[in-house]
């Protein structure tokens, strides 16, 4: 006997086929941007900010701790 999956979707969910269609449209533009000089530069800046934010969080005392 086959068990049916719950097929009830919330009204605010986007159907999978719509998400796939959107991804197929956006992916080429996203790839070309990140392959460009500007995209490479902004990605490098973002990566460096991520490193400084993480190191800054590690040096902050947690609540209840003394620095």
N, C-alpha and C. Protein backbone atom coordinates (compact mmCIF):
# COMPACT_ATOMS: atom_id res chain seq x y z
N UNK A 1 0.84 -1.18 0.00
CA UNK A 1 0.00 0.00 0.00
C UNK A 1 0.88 1.24 0.00
N UNK A 2 0.51 2.20 -0.78
CA UNK A 2 1.28 3.43 -0.92
C UNK A 2 0.75 4.49 0.03
N UNK A 3 1.66 5.19 0.70
CA UNK A 3 1.29 6.24 1.63
C UNK A 3 1.31 7.57 0.89
N UNK A 4 0.23 8.32 1.03
CA UNK A 4 0.17 9.63 0.39
C UNK A 4 0.90 10.64 1.26
N UNK A 5 1.63 11.52 0.60
CA UNK A 5 2.29 12.60 1.31
C UNK A 5 1.30 13.72 1.51
N UNK A 6 1.53 14.50 2.53
CA UNK A 6 0.68 15.66 2.78
C UNK A 6 0.94 16.67 1.67
N UNK A 7 -0.04 16.92 0.83
CA UNK A 7 0.13 17.80 -0.32
C UNK A 7 -0.45 19.19 -0.09
N UNK A 8 -0.88 19.45 1.13
CA UNK A 8 -1.43 20.77 1.44
C UNK A 8 -0.28 21.76 1.56
N UNK A 9 -0.36 22.84 0.78
CA UNK A 9 0.67 23.86 0.84
C UNK A 9 0.10 25.11 1.47
N UNK A 10 0.97 25.84 2.12
CA UNK A 10 0.56 27.12 2.68
C UNK A 10 0.34 28.08 1.52
N UNK A 11 -0.53 29.02 1.70
CA UNK A 11 -0.85 29.94 0.62
C UNK A 11 0.31 30.87 0.28
N UNK A 12 1.28 31.03 1.19
CA UNK A 12 2.38 31.93 0.94
C UNK A 12 3.61 31.23 0.36
N UNK A 13 3.54 29.93 0.10
CA UNK A 13 4.67 29.20 -0.47
C UNK A 13 4.69 29.39 -1.98
N UNK A 14 5.89 29.50 -2.52
CA UNK A 14 6.06 29.62 -3.96
C UNK A 14 6.21 28.21 -4.52
N UNK A 15 5.46 27.88 -5.55
CA UNK A 15 5.56 26.54 -6.13
C UNK A 15 6.98 26.26 -6.64
N UNK A 16 7.39 24.99 -6.55
CA UNK A 16 8.74 24.61 -6.96
C UNK A 16 9.03 24.97 -8.41
N UNK A 17 8.05 24.77 -9.29
CA UNK A 17 8.30 25.07 -10.71
C UNK A 17 8.52 26.57 -10.93
N UNK A 18 7.88 27.41 -10.15
CA UNK A 18 8.09 28.85 -10.27
C UNK A 18 9.48 29.23 -9.76
N UNK A 19 9.93 28.61 -8.69
CA UNK A 19 11.28 28.86 -8.17
C UNK A 19 12.34 28.42 -9.18
N UNK A 20 12.13 27.26 -9.78
CA UNK A 20 13.08 26.77 -10.77
C UNK A 20 13.14 27.69 -11.98
N UNK A 21 11.99 28.18 -12.44
CA UNK A 21 11.97 29.09 -13.58
C UNK A 21 12.70 30.39 -13.23
N UNK A 22 12.49 30.89 -12.04
CA UNK A 22 13.16 32.11 -11.60
C UNK A 22 14.68 31.89 -11.52
N UNK A 23 15.08 30.76 -10.98
CA UNK A 23 16.51 30.45 -10.87
C UNK A 23 17.14 30.34 -12.25
N UNK A 24 16.44 29.72 -13.20
CA UNK A 24 16.98 29.60 -14.56
C UNK A 24 17.17 30.95 -15.22
N UNK A 25 16.33 31.91 -14.88
CA UNK A 25 16.46 33.26 -15.44
C UNK A 25 17.59 34.05 -14.77
N UNK A 26 17.71 33.91 -13.45
CA UNK A 26 18.66 34.72 -12.70
C UNK A 26 20.09 34.17 -12.70
N UNK A 27 20.24 32.88 -12.75
CA UNK A 27 21.57 32.27 -12.62
C UNK A 27 22.58 32.79 -13.64
N UNK A 28 22.26 32.89 -14.92
CA UNK A 28 23.26 33.41 -15.87
C UNK A 28 23.71 34.83 -15.54
N UNK A 29 22.79 35.68 -15.11
CA UNK A 29 23.15 37.06 -14.76
C UNK A 29 24.03 37.09 -13.51
N UNK A 30 23.71 36.26 -12.52
CA UNK A 30 24.51 36.20 -11.30
C UNK A 30 25.91 35.71 -11.60
N UNK A 31 26.01 34.66 -12.42
CA UNK A 31 27.33 34.13 -12.78
C UNK A 31 28.16 35.17 -13.51
N UNK A 32 27.57 35.85 -14.48
CA UNK A 32 28.35 36.83 -15.25
C UNK A 32 28.78 37.99 -14.36
N UNK A 33 27.95 38.38 -13.40
CA UNK A 33 28.34 39.45 -12.49
C UNK A 33 29.54 39.04 -11.65
N UNK A 34 29.51 37.85 -11.07
CA UNK A 34 30.61 37.43 -10.21
C UNK A 34 31.86 37.10 -11.00
N UNK A 35 31.74 36.87 -12.31
CA UNK A 35 32.92 36.67 -13.14
C UNK A 35 33.53 38.00 -13.58
N UNK A 36 32.77 39.09 -13.46
CA UNK A 36 33.27 40.41 -13.87
C UNK A 36 34.26 40.94 -12.84
N UNK A 37 35.04 41.94 -13.25
CA UNK A 37 36.01 42.56 -12.34
C UNK A 37 35.31 43.18 -11.13
N UNK A 38 34.20 43.86 -11.38
CA UNK A 38 33.46 44.50 -10.28
C UNK A 38 32.93 43.45 -9.30
N UNK A 39 32.38 42.38 -9.83
CA UNK A 39 31.86 41.31 -8.98
C UNK A 39 32.95 40.65 -8.16
N UNK A 40 34.11 40.41 -8.79
CA UNK A 40 35.23 39.82 -8.08
C UNK A 40 35.70 40.74 -6.95
N UNK A 41 35.76 42.04 -7.23
CA UNK A 41 36.21 43.01 -6.22
C UNK A 41 35.23 43.06 -5.05
N UNK A 42 33.93 43.13 -5.36
CA UNK A 42 32.94 43.20 -4.28
C UNK A 42 32.90 41.93 -3.46
N UNK A 43 33.09 40.78 -4.11
CA UNK A 43 33.12 39.52 -3.38
C UNK A 43 34.31 39.47 -2.44
N UNK A 44 35.47 39.93 -2.92
CA UNK A 44 36.67 39.97 -2.06
C UNK A 44 36.45 40.90 -0.88
N UNK A 45 35.81 42.04 -1.10
CA UNK A 45 35.51 42.97 0.00
C UNK A 45 34.55 42.31 1.00
N UNK A 46 33.55 41.61 0.49
CA UNK A 46 32.59 40.94 1.37
C UNK A 46 33.29 39.88 2.22
N UNK A 47 34.18 39.09 1.57
CA UNK A 47 34.90 38.06 2.31
C UNK A 47 35.77 38.66 3.40
N UNK A 48 36.42 39.78 3.11
CA UNK A 48 37.27 40.40 4.14
C UNK A 48 36.42 40.95 5.28
N UNK A 49 35.24 41.50 4.96
CA UNK A 49 34.35 41.97 6.04
C UNK A 49 33.85 40.81 6.88
N UNK A 50 33.59 39.66 6.27
CA UNK A 50 33.13 38.50 7.03
C UNK A 50 34.20 38.06 8.01
N UNK A 51 35.44 38.09 7.60
CA UNK A 51 36.55 37.71 8.48
C UNK A 51 36.70 38.67 9.65
N UNK A 52 36.55 39.98 9.39
CA UNK A 52 36.70 40.95 10.47
C UNK A 52 35.51 40.90 11.42
N UNK A 53 34.32 40.64 10.89
CA UNK A 53 33.14 40.55 11.75
C UNK A 53 33.25 39.34 12.66
N UNK A 54 33.70 38.21 12.11
CA UNK A 54 33.82 37.00 12.93
C UNK A 54 34.90 37.16 13.98
N UNK A 55 36.02 37.77 13.61
CA UNK A 55 37.08 37.95 14.60
C UNK A 55 36.66 38.97 15.65
N UNK A 56 35.87 39.96 15.25
CA UNK A 56 35.36 40.94 16.20
C UNK A 56 34.37 40.32 17.17
N UNK A 57 33.56 39.39 16.68
CA UNK A 57 32.61 38.70 17.56
C UNK A 57 33.33 37.81 18.54
N UNK A 58 34.42 37.20 18.10
CA UNK A 58 35.14 36.28 18.98
C UNK A 58 35.80 37.04 20.12
N UNK A 59 36.18 38.31 19.88
CA UNK A 59 36.85 39.06 20.93
C UNK A 59 35.88 39.75 21.89
N UNK A 60 34.59 39.82 21.51
CA UNK A 60 33.61 40.44 22.40
C UNK A 60 33.26 39.48 23.53
N UNK A 61 33.19 39.95 24.73
CA UNK A 61 32.77 39.07 25.83
C UNK A 61 31.29 38.73 25.70
N UNK A 62 30.95 37.50 26.03
CA UNK A 62 29.56 37.09 26.02
C UNK A 62 28.87 37.65 27.24
N UNK A 63 27.56 37.72 27.21
CA UNK A 63 26.86 38.28 28.35
C UNK A 63 27.19 37.48 29.61
N UNK A 64 27.52 38.17 30.66
CA UNK A 64 27.87 37.53 31.90
C UNK A 64 29.36 37.26 32.06
N UNK A 65 30.15 37.43 30.95
CA UNK A 65 31.58 37.21 31.03
C UNK A 65 32.30 38.54 31.26
N UNK A 66 33.44 38.45 31.87
CA UNK A 66 34.28 39.63 32.07
C UNK A 66 35.40 39.60 31.03
N UNK A 67 35.62 40.73 30.40
CA UNK A 67 36.64 40.80 29.34
C UNK A 67 38.03 40.76 29.89
